Protein backbone atom coordinates (compact mmCIF):
# COMPACT_ATOMS: atom_id res chain seq x y z
CA MET A 1 -3.93 -164.36 19.87
CA ARG A 2 -1.62 -165.80 22.58
CA ARG A 3 -0.44 -162.33 23.01
CA ALA A 4 -3.61 -160.74 23.15
CA ALA A 5 -4.76 -163.46 25.59
CA THR A 6 -1.88 -162.78 27.50
CA THR A 7 -2.40 -159.28 27.56
CA ALA A 8 -5.98 -159.62 28.27
CA ALA A 9 -4.85 -162.17 31.44
CA ASP A 10 -2.20 -159.80 32.40
CA THR A 11 -4.83 -156.85 32.59
CA LEU A 12 -7.25 -159.21 34.45
CA ASP A 13 -4.31 -159.63 37.19
CA ALA A 14 -3.65 -156.08 37.22
CA VAL A 15 -7.39 -155.48 38.07
CA LYS A 16 -7.44 -158.11 40.67
CA SER A 17 -4.32 -156.74 42.05
CA ALA A 18 -5.44 -153.26 42.16
CA ALA A 19 -8.63 -154.31 43.63
CA ASN A 20 -7.17 -156.39 46.22
CA LYS A 21 -4.63 -153.24 47.18
CA ASN A 22 -7.90 -151.02 47.24
CA ARG A 23 -9.57 -153.40 49.51
CA SER A 24 -6.55 -153.44 52.05
CA VAL A 25 -6.32 -149.65 51.79
CA LYS A 26 -10.08 -149.60 52.68
CA LYS A 27 -9.49 -152.04 55.74
CA LYS A 28 -6.38 -150.10 56.95
CA SER A 29 -8.37 -146.69 56.71
CA ALA A 30 -11.42 -148.36 58.53
CA ALA A 31 -8.77 -149.63 61.15
CA LYS A 32 -7.43 -146.21 61.38
CA LYS A 33 -10.83 -144.51 61.89
CA LYS A 34 -11.90 -147.07 64.26
CA SER A 35 -8.77 -146.44 66.39
CA ALA A 36 -9.23 -142.84 66.08
CA VAL A 37 -12.68 -143.26 67.39
CA LYS A 38 -11.62 -145.33 70.18
CA LYS A 39 -8.99 -142.92 71.34
CA LYS A 40 -11.27 -139.87 71.38
CA SER A 41 -13.95 -141.75 72.96
CA ALA A 42 -11.28 -142.65 75.82
CA ALA A 43 -9.98 -139.01 75.82
CA LYS A 44 -13.51 -138.04 76.71
CA LYS A 45 -14.05 -140.42 79.29
CA SER A 46 -10.88 -139.50 80.84
CA ALA A 47 -11.63 -135.89 80.56
CA ALA A 48 -15.15 -136.70 82.30
CA LYS A 49 -13.21 -138.39 85.07
CA GLN A 50 -10.96 -135.56 85.77
CA PRO A 51 -12.62 -132.93 88.37
CA ALA A 52 -13.25 -129.68 86.77
CA ALA A 53 -10.75 -126.75 87.44
CA LYS A 54 -12.50 -124.48 90.06
CA ARG A 55 -12.80 -120.75 89.15
CA ARG A 56 -11.28 -118.29 91.51
CA SER A 57 -13.81 -115.89 92.56
CA PRO A 58 -12.91 -112.30 93.34
CA PRO A 59 -12.34 -111.61 97.01
CA LYS A 60 -15.29 -110.39 98.80
CA THR A 61 -15.26 -107.20 100.68
CA ALA A 62 -17.11 -107.00 103.66
CA PRO A 63 -19.96 -104.46 103.48
CA PRO A 64 -19.95 -101.66 106.27
CA PRO A 65 -21.86 -102.20 109.18
CA PRO A 66 -25.52 -101.06 108.82
CA HIS A 67 -26.13 -97.72 110.76
CA ARG A 68 -28.74 -95.09 111.72
CA ARG A 69 -28.24 -91.79 112.94
CA ILE A 70 -30.94 -89.67 115.46
CA LEU A 71 -30.68 -85.99 115.88
CA LEU A 72 -30.49 -85.33 119.41
CA ASP A 73 -32.13 -82.15 120.99
CA SER A 74 -29.58 -79.23 121.10
CA SER A 75 -29.84 -79.30 124.87
CA ILE A 76 -28.58 -83.04 125.28
CA THR A 77 -25.08 -83.35 126.44
CA ASP A 78 -22.41 -86.19 126.64
CA GLU A 79 -23.38 -86.48 130.41
CA ASP A 80 -27.07 -86.64 129.50
CA PHE A 81 -26.23 -89.56 126.98
CA ALA A 82 -24.17 -91.45 129.78
CA ASP A 83 -26.99 -91.24 131.93
CA ALA A 84 -29.36 -92.81 129.39
CA THR A 85 -26.93 -95.86 128.84
CA VAL A 86 -26.55 -96.54 132.63
CA MET A 87 -30.56 -96.93 132.45
CA MET A 88 -29.96 -99.35 129.29
CA GLY A 89 -27.18 -101.29 130.54
CA TRP A 90 -24.96 -100.18 128.03
CA LYS A 91 -21.20 -100.19 128.52
CA LEU A 92 -18.63 -97.42 127.42
CA ILE A 93 -15.91 -98.98 125.55
CA ASP A 94 -14.15 -96.34 123.65
CA GLU A 95 -13.60 -92.32 123.47
CA LYS A 96 -12.32 -90.44 120.50
CA GLU A 97 -11.24 -86.96 121.32
CA PRO A 98 -12.18 -84.25 118.76
CA THR A 99 -9.52 -82.89 116.29
CA GLU A 100 -9.81 -80.42 113.63
CA THR A 101 -11.49 -82.87 111.38
CA THR A 102 -13.04 -85.34 113.52
CA ALA A 103 -15.91 -84.92 116.15
CA HIS A 104 -15.97 -86.08 119.94
CA GLU A 105 -17.46 -89.34 119.99
CA LEU A 106 -18.32 -91.78 123.02
CA ILE A 107 -18.93 -95.37 122.03
CA TYR A 108 -20.86 -97.82 123.96
CA ARG A 109 -21.57 -101.35 123.60
CA ALA A 110 -25.14 -102.24 122.95
CA GLY A 111 -26.25 -105.84 122.69
CA LYS A 112 -24.69 -107.28 119.77
CA GLY A 113 -24.17 -103.40 118.21
CA THR A 114 -22.85 -100.19 119.29
CA ALA A 115 -24.46 -96.98 120.23
CA HIS A 116 -22.31 -93.72 119.49
CA TYR A 117 -22.87 -90.15 121.01
CA VAL A 118 -21.41 -87.54 118.55
CA GLU A 119 -20.73 -83.86 119.03
CA ASP A 120 -19.42 -82.59 115.85
CA THR A 121 -18.17 -78.80 116.35
CA ARG A 122 -17.53 -78.25 112.87
CA ILE A 123 -21.21 -78.36 111.94
CA MET A 124 -22.37 -77.91 115.53
CA VAL A 125 -24.55 -80.69 115.73
CA ARG A 126 -25.40 -83.53 118.41
CA TYR A 127 -26.64 -87.08 117.19
CA ALA A 128 -26.54 -90.43 118.13
CA ALA A 129 -25.75 -93.40 115.70
CA ALA A 130 -26.84 -96.94 116.03
CA VAL A 131 -24.63 -99.49 114.62
CA GLY A 132 -24.63 -103.17 114.05
CA PRO A 133 -27.56 -105.81 113.53
CA ASN A 134 -29.89 -104.41 116.25
CA ILE A 135 -30.14 -101.12 115.04
CA ALA A 136 -33.90 -100.94 115.41
CA ALA A 137 -33.70 -101.88 119.17
CA ILE A 138 -31.07 -99.20 119.80
CA VAL A 139 -32.91 -96.55 117.88
CA ALA A 140 -36.01 -97.44 120.15
CA GLU A 141 -34.34 -97.17 123.30
CA ILE A 142 -32.43 -93.87 122.68
CA GLU A 143 -35.75 -92.04 121.42
CA GLU A 144 -37.68 -93.37 124.47
CA LEU A 145 -35.07 -91.91 126.71
CA LEU A 146 -33.69 -88.72 125.05
CA PRO A 147 -35.25 -85.93 123.27
CA PHE A 148 -34.83 -85.87 119.36
CA VAL A 149 -35.74 -84.41 116.13
CA THR A 150 -37.03 -86.79 113.30
CA ASP A 151 -35.29 -86.61 109.82
CA ASP A 152 -38.61 -85.55 108.43
CA LYS A 153 -38.88 -82.20 110.45
CA ALA A 154 -35.22 -81.53 110.20
CA LEU A 155 -35.54 -81.62 106.35
CA ALA A 156 -38.66 -79.73 106.33
CA GLU A 157 -37.17 -76.98 108.44
CA ALA A 158 -33.88 -76.94 106.70
CA GLU A 159 -35.96 -76.58 103.30
CA THR A 160 -38.10 -73.51 104.64
CA ASP A 161 -37.21 -70.04 103.72
CA ARG A 162 -37.12 -67.76 106.70
CA ASP A 163 -35.81 -64.15 107.83
CA ASP A 164 -34.04 -65.79 110.76
CA LEU A 165 -30.74 -66.68 109.18
CA GLN A 166 -29.44 -68.32 112.39
CA LYS A 167 -32.37 -70.69 112.55
CA MET A 168 -31.71 -71.35 108.54
CA VAL A 169 -28.00 -72.14 109.23
CA ASP A 170 -29.07 -74.52 112.21
CA TRP A 171 -31.38 -76.49 110.46
CA LEU A 172 -29.20 -76.52 107.48
CA MET A 173 -26.55 -78.29 109.46
CA SER A 174 -28.83 -80.68 111.08
CA ALA A 175 -30.07 -82.03 107.85
CA THR A 176 -26.41 -82.12 106.62
CA ALA A 177 -25.50 -84.44 109.78
CA LEU A 178 -28.00 -86.97 108.19
CA GLY A 179 -26.06 -87.25 105.21
CA GLU A 180 -27.09 -90.39 103.09
CA GLN A 181 -29.94 -91.06 105.44
CA ALA A 182 -31.65 -87.94 104.29
CA GLY A 183 -31.63 -88.84 100.75
CA ARG A 184 -28.72 -87.80 98.58
CA VAL A 185 -30.82 -85.97 95.90
CA ARG A 186 -33.02 -84.18 98.35
CA LEU A 187 -29.98 -83.02 100.36
CA VAL A 188 -27.81 -81.99 97.23
CA THR A 189 -30.74 -79.97 95.90
CA LEU A 190 -31.05 -78.08 99.40
CA ILE A 191 -27.63 -76.98 99.56
CA GLU A 192 -27.42 -76.14 95.98
CA LYS A 193 -30.24 -73.78 96.64
CA ARG A 194 -28.31 -72.25 99.76
CA LEU A 195 -25.14 -72.06 97.84
CA ARG A 196 -27.31 -69.53 95.74
CA HIS A 197 -28.81 -67.58 98.64
CA ALA A 198 -28.56 -63.84 98.60
CA SER A 199 -26.95 -63.85 102.05
CA SER A 200 -23.43 -64.47 101.82
CA ALA A 201 -23.53 -66.00 105.51
CA ILE A 202 -26.13 -68.70 104.23
CA ARG A 203 -23.80 -69.53 101.23
CA ARG A 204 -20.79 -69.84 103.40
CA ALA A 205 -22.90 -72.17 105.65
CA ALA A 206 -23.79 -74.15 102.63
CA LEU A 207 -20.28 -74.40 101.74
CA LEU A 208 -19.41 -75.64 104.97
CA ALA A 209 -22.20 -78.31 104.33
CA ALA A 210 -20.59 -79.28 100.88
CA SER A 211 -17.22 -79.70 102.76
CA TRP A 212 -18.60 -81.87 105.33
CA LEU A 213 -20.30 -84.20 102.95
CA GLU A 214 -17.62 -84.33 100.37
CA TRP A 215 -20.03 -85.08 97.71
CA THR A 216 -18.91 -84.48 94.04
CA GLU A 217 -22.32 -83.55 92.96
CA LEU A 218 -21.68 -79.92 94.38
CA ARG A 219 -18.56 -79.63 92.71
CA ALA A 220 -19.22 -77.55 89.70
CA THR A 221 -21.49 -74.83 91.90
CA VAL A 222 -18.37 -74.64 94.28
CA GLU A 223 -16.07 -74.13 91.46
CA GLY A 224 -18.17 -71.57 89.96
CA MET A 225 -18.17 -69.79 93.40
CA ALA A 226 -14.62 -69.89 93.85
CA LYS A 227 -14.18 -67.40 90.57
CA ASN A 228 -17.41 -65.54 90.55
CA ASP A 229 -18.89 -65.21 94.01
CA ALA A 230 -19.61 -61.46 95.16
CA ALA A 231 -18.47 -61.79 98.66
CA ASP A 232 -14.86 -62.05 99.35
CA ASP A 233 -15.25 -64.58 102.52
CA ALA A 234 -17.66 -66.57 100.55
CA ARG A 235 -15.51 -66.67 97.39
CA GLU A 236 -12.41 -67.52 99.43
CA ASP A 237 -14.07 -70.50 101.31
CA ALA A 238 -15.15 -71.87 97.81
CA ARG A 239 -11.71 -71.68 96.44
CA ARG A 240 -10.23 -73.57 99.65
CA LEU A 241 -13.00 -76.21 98.84
CA ALA A 242 -12.41 -76.41 94.98
CA ASP A 243 -8.52 -76.91 95.95
CA ALA A 244 -9.61 -79.62 98.15
CA TYR A 245 -11.35 -81.54 95.46
CA ARG A 246 -8.64 -81.19 93.23
CA LEU A 247 -6.27 -82.57 95.95
CA ARG A 248 -8.80 -85.77 96.44
CA ASP A 249 -8.50 -86.10 92.58
CA VAL A 250 -4.70 -86.89 92.79
CA GLY A 251 -5.09 -89.07 96.34
CA LYS A 252 -3.25 -85.96 98.20
CA LEU A 253 -6.24 -85.60 100.73
């Protein structure tokens, strides 16, 4: 009995000891959890206090200055334009001499912007250009003092089929000088049509227009002409332009 009692007492003591140990472990575990929670809370507060890292935005590229072209009557010369600028109080600030690839250009200070007289001997067109924040005012003054052709008239005339091939070429070049201002789809459609004209003279003029604009939408037709055009001179013009497209592809032009 004493041995059994001793055994029972020993067992009770062991249970109490285990319970005490368990309570001790739980207390330590709870303490650890509280400590961890405090550390996390402190870390969050610390992170909240620190200023957020600034994201680097990509460098902004300045957009080109707004501009508008005005097709001048073919009778207008650089002297006529200069006389008009005197009346408008504009001052000549620069002159660019013509080269094989660039036009003769006179540049005048016009308020906050500039007014340009351009005589492009490649496409035989004279036009003015208004550049800067005060485009509307510059355009209005030019159109008040000098004879000009509206964009709509130039495009309508260029799209008209006629027997007078020289007139057809002249109007095509005028429309070409408008560039994006004419409406890209409309101008591409017009030039594509002229590239397929029965007259090789018109096709060559259209090739000149395509070369002046440098628009890739016309490339497939040009490359086809370089191989298959019936006229030797038109085929050679197309071949040179097709070569220019390829050189641009590799950055050599």
